[in-house]
Amino acid sequence: MNELALKAIGAIDVEPNGIWSVDMTLDRDGIPNPTEINIARFFTTHLFFSKAGLNVPLIFVKAALDEPLPELPVKINPLPLGLAWIRGMDFEPILTTVEKINECEVELQALRQQLHGAAK
């Protein structure tokens, strides 16, 4: 995904600088496809980054005030792997992990089997 995102960004700017975000979706064959590139601004998911420990608005303020910036172990996708940001129209977004989602799916499947067995 990183390589594909970098290729998409490179297709529109040979020397990208700043914050870039590439939205993707999977096609029916499960192949990721870039759908949108956001450049150098706060994205819809900036709260996700802040909740996950990367407060980009604070980094911008610190940079503007010439204060020390946090050390980032990596510059591309600096957040831990496996995070998920669930958002929708009628509820506050939820920061969770793919592992927790998988656990919930297993629990839901077990509950469905119980309910299906009870209905017989």
PDB file of N, CA and C in Angstrom:
ATOM      1  N   MET A   1       0.830  -1.188   0.000  1.00  0.00           N
ATOM      2  CA  MET A   1       0.000   0.000   0.000  1.00  0.00           C
ATOM      3  C   MET A   1       0.879   1.258   0.000  1.00  0.00           C
ATOM      4  N   ASN A   2       1.942   1.235   0.826  1.00  0.00           N
ATOM      5  CA  ASN A   2       2.831   2.393   0.859  1.00  0.00           C
ATOM      6  C   ASN A   2       3.431   2.658  -0.510  1.00  0.00           C
ATOM      7  N   GLU A   3       3.898   1.597  -1.153  1.00  0.00           N
ATOM      8  CA  GLU A   3       4.530   1.747  -2.465  1.00  0.00           C
ATOM      9  C   GLU A   3       3.537   2.314  -3.482  1.00  0.00           C
ATOM     10  N   LEU A   4       2.314   1.812  -3.469  1.00  0.00           N
ATOM     11  CA  LEU A   4       1.293   2.301  -4.389  1.00  0.00           C
ATOM     12  C   LEU A   4       0.977   3.770  -4.097  1.00  0.00           C
ATOM     13  N   ALA A   5       0.852   4.121  -2.820  1.00  0.00           N
ATOM     14  CA  ALA A   5       0.578   5.511  -2.454  1.00  0.00           C
ATOM     15  C   ALA A   5       1.710   6.426  -2.910  1.00  0.00           C
ATOM     16  N   LEU A   6       2.948   5.993  -2.701  1.00  0.00           N
ATOM     17  CA  LEU A   6       4.092   6.805  -3.129  1.00  0.00           C
ATOM     18  C   LEU A   6       4.132   6.966  -4.647  1.00  0.00           C
ATOM     19  N   LYS A   7       3.769   5.917  -5.370  1.00  0.00           N
ATOM     20  CA  LYS A   7       3.715   6.015  -6.839  1.00  0.00           C
ATOM     21  C   LYS A   7       2.633   7.000  -7.279  1.00  0.00           C
ATOM     22  N   ALA A   8       1.479   6.964  -6.613  1.00  0.00           N
ATOM     23  CA  ALA A   8       0.395   7.890  -6.953  1.00  0.00           C
ATOM     24  C   ALA A   8       0.828   9.328  -6.701  1.00  0.00           C
ATOM     25  N   ILE A   9       1.461   9.566  -5.566  1.00  0.00           N
ATOM     26  CA  ILE A   9       1.944  10.916  -5.255  1.00  0.00           C
ATOM     27  C   ILE A   9       3.012  11.329  -6.260  1.00  0.00           C
ATOM     28  N   GLY A  10       3.945  10.424  -6.562  1.00  0.00           N
ATOM     29  CA  GLY A  10       5.004  10.715  -7.521  1.00  0.00           C
ATOM     30  C   GLY A  10       4.485  11.015  -8.913  1.00  0.00           C
ATOM     31  N   ALA A  11       3.311  10.513  -9.239  1.00  0.00           N
ATOM     32  CA  ALA A  11       2.737  10.775 -10.562  1.00  0.00           C
ATOM     33  C   ALA A  11       2.276  12.219 -10.705  1.00  0.00           C
ATOM     34  N   ILE A  12       2.042  12.905  -9.592  1.00  0.00           N
ATOM     35  CA  ILE A  12       1.597  14.300  -9.689  1.00  0.00           C
ATOM     36  C   ILE A  12       2.627  15.294  -9.184  1.00  0.00           C
ATOM     37  N   ASP A  13       3.638  14.810  -8.439  1.00  0.00           N
ATOM     38  CA  ASP A  13       4.686  15.708  -7.945  1.00  0.00           C
ATOM     39  C   ASP A  13       5.976  14.909  -7.783  1.00  0.00           C
ATOM     40  N   VAL A  14       6.988  15.266  -8.561  1.00  0.00           N
ATOM     41  CA  VAL A  14       8.245  14.507  -8.513  1.00  0.00           C
ATOM     42  C   VAL A  14       9.065  14.801  -7.262  1.00  0.00           C
ATOM     43  N   GLU A  15       8.786  15.912  -6.583  1.00  0.00           N
ATOM     44  CA  GLU A  15       9.472  16.251  -5.338  1.00  0.00           C
ATOM     45  C   GLU A  15       8.450  16.622  -4.264  1.00  0.00           C
ATOM     46  N   PRO A  16       7.657  15.667  -3.801  1.00  0.00           N
ATOM     47  CA  PRO A  16       6.637  15.996  -2.800  1.00  0.00           C
ATOM     48  C   PRO A  16       7.269  16.424  -1.480  1.00  0.00           C
ATOM     49  N   ASN A  17       6.607  17.340  -0.818  1.00  0.00           N
ATOM     50  CA  ASN A  17       7.082  17.843   0.458  1.00  0.00           C
ATOM     51  C   ASN A  17       5.861  18.136   1.329  1.00  0.00           C
ATOM     52  N   GLY A  18       5.945  17.815   2.590  1.00  0.00           N
ATOM     53  CA  GLY A  18       4.838  18.093   3.487  1.00  0.00           C
ATOM     54  C   GLY A  18       3.985  16.860   3.736  1.00  0.00           C
ATOM     55  N   ILE A  19       2.765  17.123   4.099  1.00  0.00           N
ATOM     56  CA  ILE A  19       1.834  16.049   4.452  1.00  0.00           C
ATOM     57  C   ILE A  19       1.018  15.655   3.224  1.00  0.00           C
ATOM     58  N   TRP A  20       1.006  14.367   2.955  1.00  0.00           N
ATOM     59  CA  TRP A  20       0.225  13.825   1.839  1.00  0.00           C
ATOM     60  C   TRP A  20      -0.600  12.654   2.352  1.00  0.00           C
ATOM     61  N   SER A  21      -1.773  12.489   1.801  1.00  0.00           N
ATOM     62  CA  SER A  21      -2.631  11.365   2.159  1.00  0.00           C
ATOM     63  C   SER A  21      -3.235  10.796   0.884  1.00  0.00           C
ATOM     64  N   VAL A  22      -3.219   9.487   0.761  1.00  0.00           N
ATOM     65  CA  VAL A  22      -3.794   8.833  -0.413  1.00  0.00           C
ATOM     66  C   VAL A  22      -4.923   7.922   0.051  1.00  0.00           C
ATOM     67  N   ASP A  23      -6.130   8.223  -0.403  1.00  0.00           N
ATOM     68  CA  ASP A  23      -7.278   7.360  -0.123  1.00  0.00           C
ATOM     69  C   ASP A  23      -7.290   6.244  -1.161  1.00  0.00           C
ATOM     70  N   MET A  24      -7.672   5.057  -0.708  1.00  0.00           N
ATOM     71  CA  MET A  24      -7.742   3.916  -1.622  1.00  0.00           C
ATOM     72  C   MET A  24      -8.994   3.102  -1.358  1.00  0.00           C
ATOM     73  N   THR A  25      -9.372   2.351  -2.355  1.00  0.00           N
ATOM     74  CA  THR A  25     -10.458   1.388  -2.211  1.00  0.00           C
ATOM     75  C   THR A  25     -10.044   0.116  -2.926  1.00  0.00           C
ATOM     76  N   LEU A  26     -10.603  -0.997  -2.502  1.00  0.00           N
ATOM     77  CA  LEU A  26     -10.311  -2.268  -3.159  1.00  0.00           C
ATOM     78  C   LEU A  26     -11.310  -2.501  -4.279  1.00  0.00           C
ATOM     79  N   ASP A  27     -10.817  -2.963  -5.424  1.00  0.00           N
ATOM     80  CA  ASP A  27     -11.749  -3.329  -6.490  1.00  0.00           C
ATOM     81  C   ASP A  27     -12.307  -4.719  -6.212  1.00  0.00           C
ATOM     82  N   ARG A  28     -13.143  -5.231  -7.097  1.00  0.00           N
ATOM     83  CA  ARG A  28     -13.793  -6.527  -6.819  1.00  0.00           C
ATOM     84  C   ARG A  28     -12.816  -7.693  -6.794  1.00  0.00           C
ATOM     85  N   ASP A  29     -11.593  -7.477  -7.297  1.00  0.00           N
ATOM     86  CA  ASP A  29     -10.562  -8.511  -7.231  1.00  0.00           C
ATOM     87  C   ASP A  29      -9.653  -8.341  -6.012  1.00  0.00           C
ATOM     88  N   GLY A  30      -9.970  -7.364  -5.155  1.00  0.00           N
ATOM     89  CA  GLY A  30      -9.182  -7.129  -3.953  1.00  0.00           C
ATOM     90  C   GLY A  30      -7.918  -6.326  -4.191  1.00  0.00           C
ATOM     91  N   ILE A  31      -7.820  -5.685  -5.344  1.00  0.00           N
ATOM     92  CA  ILE A  31      -6.645  -4.884  -5.673  1.00  0.00           C
ATOM     93  C   ILE A  31      -6.888  -3.438  -5.240  1.00  0.00           C
ATOM     94  N   PRO A  32      -5.957  -2.853  -4.457  1.00  0.00           N
ATOM     95  CA  PRO A  32      -6.149  -1.470  -4.021  1.00  0.00           C
ATOM     96  C   PRO A  32      -5.965  -0.487  -5.170  1.00  0.00           C
ATOM     97  N   ASN A  33      -6.816   0.529  -5.185  1.00  0.00           N
ATOM     98  CA  ASN A  33      -6.768   1.569  -6.205  1.00  0.00           C
ATOM     99  C   ASN A  33      -6.853   2.934  -5.542  1.00  0.00           C
ATOM    100  N   PRO A  34      -5.906   3.836  -5.843  1.00  0.00           N
ATOM    101  CA  PRO A  34      -6.002   5.197  -5.307  1.00  0.00           C
ATOM    102  C   PRO A  34      -7.260   5.884  -5.828  1.00  0.00           C
ATOM    103  N   THR A  35      -7.953   6.576  -4.946  1.00  0.00           N
ATOM    104  CA  THR A  35      -9.160   7.290  -5.349  1.00  0.00           C
ATOM    105  C   THR A  35      -9.041   8.791  -5.148  1.00  0.00           C
ATOM    106  N   GLU A  36      -8.121   9.197  -4.270  1.00  0.00           N
ATOM    107  CA  GLU A  36      -7.990  10.626  -3.972  1.00  0.00           C
ATOM    108  C   GLU A  36      -6.627  10.860  -3.322  1.00  0.00           C
ATOM    109  N   ILE A  37      -6.023  11.995  -3.654  1.00  0.00           N
ATOM    110  CA  ILE A  37      -4.782  12.403  -3.006  1.00  0.00           C
ATOM    111  C   ILE A  37      -5.043  13.749  -2.339  1.00  0.00           C
ATOM    112  N   ASN A  38      -4.785  13.814  -1.040  1.00  0.00           N
ATOM    113  CA  ASN A  38      -4.937  15.057  -0.281  1.00  0.00           C
ATOM    114  C   ASN A  38      -3.547  15.603  -0.005  1.00  0.00           C
ATOM    115  N   ILE A  39      -3.372  16.898  -0.208  1.00  0.00           N
ATOM    116  CA  ILE A  39      -2.047  17.496  -0.127  1.00  0.00           C
ATOM    117  C   ILE A  39      -1.998  18.593   0.935  1.00  0.00           C
ATOM    118  N   ALA A  40      -1.008  18.459   1.853  1.00  0.00           N
ATOM    119  CA  ALA A  40      -0.567  19.516   2.755  1.00  0.00           C
ATOM    120  C   ALA A  40      -1.681  20.253   3.491  1.00  0.00           C
ATOM    121  N   ARG A  41      -2.562  19.518   4.100  1.00  0.00           N
ATOM    122  CA  ARG A  41      -3.586  20.129   4.943  1.00  0.00           C
ATOM    123  C   ARG A  41      -4.054  19.083   5.941  1.00  0.00           C
ATOM    124  N   PHE A  42      -4.949  19.485   6.795  1.00  0.00           N
ATOM    125  CA  PHE A  42      -5.502  18.520   7.736  1.00  0.00           C
ATOM    126  C   PHE A  42      -6.643  17.785   7.050  1.00  0.00           C
ATOM    127  N   PHE A  43      -6.616  16.482   7.161  1.00  0.00           N
ATOM    128  CA  PHE A  43      -7.588  15.642   6.479  1.00  0.00           C
ATOM    129  C   PHE A  43      -8.758  15.343   7.416  1.00  0.00           C
ATOM    130  N   THR A  44      -9.770  14.741   6.886  1.00  0.00           N
ATOM    131  CA  THR A  44     -10.919  14.343   7.685  1.00  0.00           C
ATOM    132  C   THR A  44     -10.488  13.486   8.865  1.00  0.00           C
ATOM    133  N   THR A  45      -9.437  12.722   8.672  1.00  0.00           N
ATOM    134  CA  THR A  45      -9.000  11.793   9.715  1.00  0.00           C
ATOM    135  C   THR A  45      -7.909  12.359  10.622  1.00  0.00           C
ATOM    136  N   HIS A  46      -7.702  13.695  10.637  1.00  0.00           N
ATOM    137  CA  HIS A  46      -6.635  14.220  11.503  1.00  0.00           C
ATOM    138  C   HIS A  46      -6.895  13.888  12.973  1.00  0.00           C
ATOM    139  N   LEU A  47      -8.163  13.776  13.380  1.00  0.00           N
ATOM    140  CA  LEU A  47      -8.460  13.383  14.761  1.00  0.00           C
ATOM    141  C   LEU A  47      -7.993  11.948  15.016  1.00  0.00           C
ATOM    142  N   PHE A  48      -8.100  11.084  14.017  1.00  0.00           N
ATOM    143  CA  PHE A  48      -7.587   9.714  14.133  1.00  0.00           C
ATOM    144  C   PHE A  48      -6.103   9.735  14.473  1.00  0.00           C
ATOM    145  N   PHE A  49      -5.332  10.528  13.727  1.00  0.00           N
ATOM    146  CA  PHE A  49      -3.902  10.605  13.986  1.00  0.00           C
ATOM    147  C   PHE A  49      -3.628  11.103  15.402  1.00  0.00           C
ATOM    148  N   SER A  50      -4.360  12.144  15.825  1.00  0.00           N
ATOM    149  CA  SER A  50      -4.162  12.691  17.170  1.00  0.00           C
ATOM    150  C   SER A  50      -4.501  11.659  18.240  1.00  0.00           C
ATOM    151  N   LYS A  51      -5.642  10.988  18.107  1.00  0.00           N
ATOM    152  CA  LYS A  51      -6.048   9.973  19.089  1.00  0.00           C
ATOM    153  C   LYS A  51      -5.060   8.812  19.126  1.00  0.00           C
ATOM    154  N   ALA A  52      -4.421   8.538  17.984  1.00  0.00           N
ATOM    155  CA  ALA A  52      -3.461   7.428  17.907  1.00  0.00           C
ATOM    156  C   ALA A  52      -2.064   7.847  18.363  1.00  0.00           C
ATOM    157  N   GLY A  53      -1.901   9.117  18.725  1.00  0.00           N
ATOM    158  CA  GLY A  53      -0.628   9.552  19.278  1.00  0.00           C
ATOM    159  C   GLY A  53       0.211  10.470  18.403  1.00  0.00           C
ATOM    160  N   LEU A  54      -0.283  10.832  17.236  1.00  0.00           N
ATOM    161  CA  LEU A  54       0.450  11.731  16.348  1.00  0.00           C
ATOM    162  C   LEU A  54      -0.389  12.994  16.157  1.00  0.00           C
ATOM    163  N   ASN A  55      -0.153  13.985  17.011  1.00  0.00           N
ATOM    164  CA  ASN A  55      -0.948  15.208  17.004  1.00  0.00           C
ATOM    165  C   ASN A  55      -0.348  16.193  15.992  1.00  0.00           C
ATOM    166  N   VAL A  56      -0.776  16.067  14.752  1.00  0.00           N
ATOM    167  CA  VAL A  56      -0.219  16.882  13.672  1.00  0.00           C
ATOM    168  C   VAL A  56      -0.532  18.373  13.858  1.00  0.00           C
ATOM    169  N   PRO A  57      -1.739  18.767  14.290  1.00  0.00           N
ATOM    170  CA  PRO A  57      -1.955  20.199  14.533  1.00  0.00           C
ATOM    171  C   PRO A  57      -0.967  20.767  15.562  1.00  0.00           C
ATOM    172  N   LEU A  58      -0.673  20.010  16.614  1.00  0.00           N
ATOM    173  CA  LEU A  58       0.294  20.470  17.608  1.00  0.00           C
ATOM    174  C   LEU A  58       1.696  20.583  16.996  1.00  0.00           C
ATOM    175  N   ILE A  59       2.049  19.646  16.140  1.00  0.00           N
ATOM    176  CA  ILE A  59       3.352  19.708  15.462  1.00  0.00           C
ATOM    177  C   ILE A  59       3.442  20.971  14.610  1.00  0.00           C
ATOM    178  N   PHE A  60       2.349  21.321  13.915  1.00  0.00           N
ATOM    179  CA  PHE A  60       2.340  22.543  13.108  1.00  0.00           C
ATOM    180  C   PHE A  60       2.538  23.773  13.986  1.00  0.00           C
ATOM    181  N   VAL A  61       1.853  23.820  15.122  1.00  0.00           N
ATOM    182  CA  VAL A  61       1.992  24.962  16.034  1.00  0.00           C
ATOM    183  C   VAL A  61       3.427  25.047  16.543  1.00  0.00           C
ATOM    184  N   LYS A  62       3.990  23.911  16.956  1.00  0.00           N
ATOM    185  CA  LYS A  62       5.374  23.895  17.444  1.00  0.00           C
ATOM    186  C   LYS A  62       6.343  24.367  16.354  1.00  0.00           C
ATOM    187  N   ALA A  63       6.113  23.934  15.134  1.00  0.00           N
ATOM    188  CA  ALA A  63       6.978  24.357  14.030  1.00  0.00           C
ATOM    189  C   ALA A  63       6.866  25.866  13.816  1.00  0.00           C
ATOM    190  N   ALA A  64       5.645  26.388  13.871  1.00  0.00           N
ATOM    191  CA  ALA A  64       5.437  27.825  13.673  1.00  0.00           C
ATOM    192  C   ALA A  64       6.102  28.647  14.776  1.00  0.00           C
ATOM    193  N   LEU A  65       6.146  28.093  15.991  1.00  0.00           N
ATOM    194  CA  LEU A  65       6.749  28.800  17.125  1.00  0.00           C
ATOM    195  C   LEU A  65       8.220  28.454  17.308  1.00  0.00           C
ATOM    196  N   ASP A  66       8.765  27.714  16.355  1.00  0.00           N
ATOM    197  CA  ASP A  66      10.172  27.304  16.384  1.00  0.00           C
ATOM    198  C   ASP A  66      10.516  26.528  17.661  1.00  0.00           C
ATOM    199  N   GLU A  67       9.563  25.702  18.109  1.00  0.00           N
ATOM    200  CA  GLU A  67       9.781  24.839  19.272  1.00  0.00           C
ATOM    201  C   GLU A  67      10.277  23.474  18.799  1.00  0.00           C
ATOM    202  N   PRO A  68      10.906  22.709  19.686  1.00  0.00           N
ATOM    203  CA  PRO A  68      11.371  21.369  19.297  1.00  0.00           C
ATOM    204  C   PRO A  68      10.201  20.488  18.830  1.00  0.00           C
ATOM    205  N   LEU A  69      10.449  19.754  17.763  1.00  0.00           N
ATOM    206  CA  LEU A  69       9.426  18.864  17.209  1.00  0.00           C
ATOM    207  C   LEU A  69       9.645  17.453  17.737  1.00  0.00           C
ATOM    208  N   PRO A  70       8.568  16.673  17.840  1.00  0.00           N
ATOM    209  CA  PRO A  70       8.739  15.293  18.315  1.00  0.00           C
ATOM    210  C   PRO A  70       9.545  14.470  17.324  1.00  0.00           C
ATOM    211  N   GLU A  71      10.292  13.530  17.853  1.00  0.00           N
ATOM    212  CA  GLU A  71      11.029  12.607  17.002  1.00  0.00           C
ATOM    213  C   GLU A  71      10.054  11.560  16.470  1.00  0.00           C
ATOM    214  N   LEU A  72      10.080  11.340  15.176  1.00  0.00           N
ATOM    215  CA  LEU A  72       9.248  10.309  14.564  1.00  0.00           C
ATOM    216  C   LEU A  72      10.162   9.181  14.106  1.00  0.00           C
ATOM    217  N   PRO A  73       9.900   7.960  14.570  1.00  0.00           N
ATOM    218  CA  PRO A  73      10.771   6.846  14.176  1.00  0.00           C
ATOM    219  C   PRO A  73      10.758   6.598  12.666  1.00  0.00           C
ATOM    220  N   VAL A  74       9.627   6.856  12.032  1.00  0.00           N
ATOM    221  CA  VAL A  74       9.512   6.756  10.573  1.00  0.00           C
ATOM    222  C   VAL A  74       8.684   7.935  10.092  1.00  0.00           C
ATOM    223  N   LYS A  75       8.923   8.366   8.872  1.00  0.00           N
ATOM    224  CA  LYS A  75       8.195   9.517   8.346  1.00  0.00           C
ATOM    225  C   LYS A  75       6.979   9.121   7.523  1.00  0.00           C
ATOM    226  N   ILE A  76       6.973   7.918   6.971  1.00  0.00           N
ATOM    227  CA  ILE A  76       5.833   7.453   6.188  1.00  0.00           C
ATOM    228  C   ILE A  76       5.049   6.480   7.057  1.00  0.00           C
ATOM    229  N   ASN A  77       3.795   6.780   7.269  1.00  0.00           N
ATOM    230  CA  ASN A  77       2.929   5.982   8.137  1.00  0.00           C
ATOM    231  C   ASN A  77       3.543   5.784   9.524  1.00  0.00           C
ATOM    232  N   PRO A  78       3.711   6.875  10.282  1.00  0.00           N
ATOM    233  CA  PRO A  78       4.374   6.769  11.583  1.00  0.00           C
ATOM    234  C   PRO A  78       3.526   6.143  12.692  1.00  0.00           C
ATOM    235  N   LEU A  79       2.265   5.865  12.420  1.00  0.00           N
ATOM    236  CA  LEU A  79       1.417   5.246  13.446  1.00  0.00           C
ATOM    237  C   LEU A  79       1.651   3.743  13.514  1.00  0.00           C
ATOM    238  N   PRO A  80       1.334   3.137  14.660  1.00  0.00           N
ATOM    239  CA  PRO A  80       1.466   1.679  14.765  1.00  0.00           C
ATOM    240  C   PRO A  80       0.555   0.977  13.756  1.00  0.00           C
ATOM    241  N   LEU A  81       0.998  -0.164  13.287  1.00  0.00           N
ATOM    242  CA  LEU A  81       0.179  -0.958  12.365  1.00  0.00           C
ATOM    243  C   LEU A  81      -1.016  -1.544  13.106  1.00  0.00           C
ATOM    244  N   GLY A  82      -2.067  -1.834  12.367  1.00  0.00           N
ATOM    245  CA  GLY A  82      -3.214  -2.536  12.935  1.00  0.00           C
ATOM    246  C   GLY A  82      -4.268  -1.650  13.565  1.00  0.00           C
ATOM    247  N   LEU A  83      -4.146  -0.333  13.432  1.00  0.00           N
ATOM    248  CA  LEU A  83      -5.166   0.553  13.985  1.00  0.00           C
ATOM    249  C   LEU A  83      -6.325   0.679  13.005  1.00  0.00           C
ATOM    250  N   ALA A  84      -7.507   0.938  13.551  1.00  0.00           N
ATOM    251  CA  ALA A  84      -8.694   1.139  12.713  1.00  0.00           C
ATOM    252  C   ALA A  84      -9.477   2.321  13.264  1.00  0.00           C
ATOM    253  N   TRP A  85      -9.993   3.138  12.384  1.00  0.00           N
ATOM    254  CA  TRP A  85     -10.784   4.311  12.737  1.00  0.00           C
ATOM    255  C   TRP A  85     -12.166   4.094  12.149  1.00  0.00           C
ATOM    256  N   ILE A  86     -13.125   3.858  13.004  1.00  0.00           N
ATOM    257  CA  ILE A  86     -14.497   3.587  12.560  1.00  0.00           C
ATOM    258  C   ILE A  86     -15.297   4.872  12.717  1.00  0.00           C
ATOM    259  N   ARG A  87     -15.872   5.335  11.602  1.00  0.00           N
ATOM    260  CA  ARG A  87     -16.657   6.559  11.674  1.00  0.00           C
ATOM    261  C   ARG A  87     -17.918   6.418  10.837  1.00  0.00           C
ATOM    262  N   GLY A  88     -18.894   7.195  11.194  1.00  0.00           N
ATOM    263  CA  GLY A  88     -20.162   7.154  10.489  1.00  0.00           C
ATOM    264  C   GLY A  88     -20.921   8.448  10.706  1.00  0.00           C
ATOM    265  N   MET A  89     -22.108   8.502  10.205  1.00  0.00           N
ATOM    266  CA  MET A  89     -22.904   9.729  10.260  1.00  0.00           C
ATOM    267  C   MET A  89     -23.447  10.035  11.654  1.00  0.00           C
ATOM    268  N   ASP A  90     -23.883   9.021  12.379  1.00  0.00           N
ATOM    269  CA  ASP A  90     -24.638   9.266  13.606  1.00  0.00           C
ATOM    270  C   ASP A  90     -23.938   8.823  14.874  1.00  0.00           C
ATOM    271  N   PHE A  91     -22.601   8.757  14.860  1.00  0.00           N
ATOM    272  CA  PHE A  91     -21.881   8.399  16.074  1.00  0.00           C
ATOM    273  C   PHE A  91     -20.475   8.988  16.032  1.00  0.00           C
ATOM    274  N   GLU A  92     -19.923   9.177  17.222  1.00  0.00           N
ATOM    275  CA  GLU A  92     -18.552   9.672  17.321  1.00  0.00           C
ATOM    276  C   GLU A  92     -17.607   8.596  16.790  1.00  0.00           C
ATOM    277  N   PRO A  93     -16.515   8.990  16.169  1.00  0.00           N
ATOM    278  CA  PRO A  93     -15.570   7.989  15.667  1.00  0.00           C
ATOM    279  C   PRO A  93     -14.943   7.183  16.799  1.00  0.00           C
ATOM    280  N   ILE A  94     -14.530   5.971  16.472  1.00  0.00           N
ATOM    281  CA  ILE A  94     -13.952   5.048  17.447  1.00  0.00           C
ATOM    282  C   ILE A  94     -12.570   4.631  16.953  1.00  0.00           C
ATOM    283  N   LEU A  95     -11.580   4.767  17.829  1.00  0.00           N
ATOM    284  CA  LEU A  95     -10.240   4.252  17.536  1.00  0.00           C
ATOM    285  C   LEU A  95     -10.144   2.870  18.151  1.00  0.00           C
ATOM    286  N   THR A  96      -9.804   1.902  17.340  1.00  0.00           N
ATOM    287  CA  THR A  96      -9.687   0.524  17.813  1.00  0.00           C
ATOM    288  C   THR A  96      -8.581  -0.157  17.017  1.00  0.00           C
ATOM    289  N   THR A  97      -8.531  -1.459  17.109  1.00  0.00           N
ATOM    290  CA  THR A  97      -7.533  -2.213  16.359  1.00  0.00           C
ATOM    291  C   THR A  97      -8.222  -3.246  15.475  1.00  0.00           C
ATOM    292  N   VAL A  98      -7.518  -3.655  14.446  1.00  0.00           N
ATOM    293  CA  VAL A  98      -8.044  -4.707  13.569  1.00  0.00           C
ATOM    294  C   VAL A  98      -8.222  -5.987  14.383  1.00  0.00           C
ATOM    295  N   GLU A  99      -7.310  -6.218  15.326  1.00  0.00           N
ATOM    296  CA  GLU A  99      -7.414  -7.398  16.189  1.00  0.00           C
ATOM    297  C   GLU A  99      -8.720  -7.380  16.975  1.00  0.00           C
ATOM    298  N   LYS A 100      -9.079  -6.236  17.542  1.00  0.00           N
ATOM    299  CA  LYS A 100     -10.323  -6.132  18.310  1.00  0.00           C
ATOM    300  C   LYS A 100     -11.544  -6.332  17.404  1.00  0.00           C
ATOM    301  N   ILE A 101     -11.487  -5.799  16.203  1.00  0.00           N
ATOM    302  CA  ILE A 101     -12.589  -5.992  15.251  1.00  0.00           C
ATOM    303  C   ILE A 101     -12.751  -7.471  14.940  1.00  0.00           C
ATOM    304  N   ASN A 102     -11.637  -8.166  14.712  1.00  0.00           N
ATOM    305  CA  ASN A 102     -11.695  -9.602  14.430  1.00  0.00           C
ATOM    306  C   ASN A 102     -12.279 -10.367  15.612  1.00  0.00           C
ATOM    307  N   GLU A 103     -11.900  -9.996  16.839  1.00  0.00           N
ATOM    308  CA  GLU A 103     -12.468 -10.634  18.036  1.00  0.00           C
ATOM    309  C   GLU A 103     -13.977 -10.424  18.089  1.00  0.00           C
ATOM    310  N   CYS A 104     -14.423  -9.214  17.795  1.00  0.00           N
ATOM    311  CA  CYS A 104     -15.859  -8.921  17.800  1.00  0.00           C
ATOM    312  C   CYS A 104     -16.601  -9.726  16.738  1.00  0.00           C
ATOM    313  N   GLU A 105     -15.978  -9.897  15.582  1.00  0.00           N
ATOM    314  CA  GLU A 105     -16.596 -10.697  14.526  1.00  0.00           C
ATOM    315  C   GLU A 105     -16.758 -12.148  14.961  1.00  0.00           C
ATOM    316  N   VAL A 106     -15.750 -12.695  15.647  1.00  0.00           N
ATOM    317  CA  VAL A 106     -15.834 -14.074  16.152  1.00  0.00           C
ATOM    318  C   VAL A 106     -16.965 -14.179  17.185  1.00  0.00           C
ATOM    319  N   GLU A 107     -17.033 -13.201  18.102  1.00  0.00           N
ATOM    320  CA  GLU A 107     -18.092 -13.193  19.112  1.00  0.00           C
ATOM    321  C   GLU A 107     -19.466 -13.084  18.464  1.00  0.00           C
ATOM    322  N   LEU A 108     -19.581 -12.233  17.447  1.00  0.00           N
ATOM    323  CA  LEU A 108     -20.849 -12.073  16.755  1.00  0.00           C
ATOM    324  C   LEU A 108     -21.262 -13.366  16.062  1.00  0.00           C
ATOM    325  N   GLN A 109     -20.319 -14.022  15.422  1.00  0.00           N
ATOM    326  CA  GLN A 109     -20.615 -15.291  14.756  1.00  0.00           C
ATOM    327  C   GLN A 109     -21.095 -16.333  15.761  1.00  0.00           C
ATOM    328  N   ALA A 110     -20.436 -16.409  16.924  1.00  0.00           N
ATOM    329  CA  ALA A 110     -20.844 -17.356  17.973  1.00  0.00           C
ATOM    330  C   ALA A 110     -22.252 -17.027  18.465  1.00  0.00           C
ATOM    331  N   LEU A 111     -22.554 -15.755  18.646  1.00  0.00           N
ATOM    332  CA  LEU A 111     -23.892 -15.343  19.084  1.00  0.00           C
ATOM    333  C   LEU A 111     -24.930 -15.694  18.031  1.00  0.00           C
ATOM    334  N   ARG A 112     -24.610 -15.475  16.776  1.00  0.00           N
ATOM    335  CA  ARG A 112     -25.552 -15.834  15.704  1.00  0.00           C
ATOM    336  C   ARG A 112     -25.830 -17.330  15.686  1.00  0.00           C
ATOM    337  N   GLN A 113     -24.779 -18.138  15.902  1.00  0.00           N
ATOM    338  CA  GLN A 113     -24.974 -19.589  15.941  1.00  0.00           C
ATOM    339  C   GLN A 113     -25.854 -19.974  17.117  1.00  0.00           C
ATOM    340  N   GLN A 114     -25.642 -19.334  18.268  1.00  0.00           N
ATOM    341  CA  GLN A 114     -26.480 -19.598  19.438  1.00  0.00           C
ATOM    342  C   GLN A 114     -27.927 -19.253  19.147  1.00  0.00           C
ATOM    343  N   LEU A 115     -28.142 -18.071  18.575  1.00  0.00           N
ATOM    344  CA  LEU A 115     -29.503 -17.632  18.281  1.00  0.00           C
ATOM    345  C   LEU A 115     -30.155 -18.520  17.229  1.00  0.00           C
ATOM    346  N   HIS A 116     -29.387 -18.928  16.232  1.00  0.00           N
ATOM    347  CA  HIS A 116     -29.919 -19.802  15.183  1.00  0.00           C
ATOM    348  C   HIS A 116     -30.310 -21.155  15.790  1.00  0.00           C
ATOM    349  N   GLY A 117     -29.466 -21.680  16.695  1.00  0.00           N
ATOM    350  CA  GLY A 117     -29.775 -22.941  17.354  1.00  0.00           C
ATOM    351  C   GLY A 117     -30.992 -22.827  18.259  1.00  0.00           C
ATOM    352  N   ALA A 118     -31.166 -21.698  18.932  1.00  0.00           N
ATOM    353  CA  ALA A 118     -32.301 -21.483  19.827  1.00  0.00           C
ATOM    354  C   ALA A 118     -33.592 -21.326  19.054  1.00  0.00           C
ATOM    355  N   ALA A 119     -33.510 -20.885  17.802  1.00  0.00           N
ATOM    356  CA  ALA A 119     -34.712 -20.666  17.003  1.00  0.00           C
ATOM    357  C   ALA A 119     -35.287 -21.964  16.458  1.00  0.00           C
ATOM    358  N   LYS A 120     -34.498 -23.035  16.497  1.00  0.00           N
ATOM    359  CA  LYS A 120     -34.984 -24.305  15.940  1.00  0.00           C
ATOM    360  C   LYS A 120     -35.909 -25.015  16.877  1.00  0.00           C
TER     361      LYS A 120
END
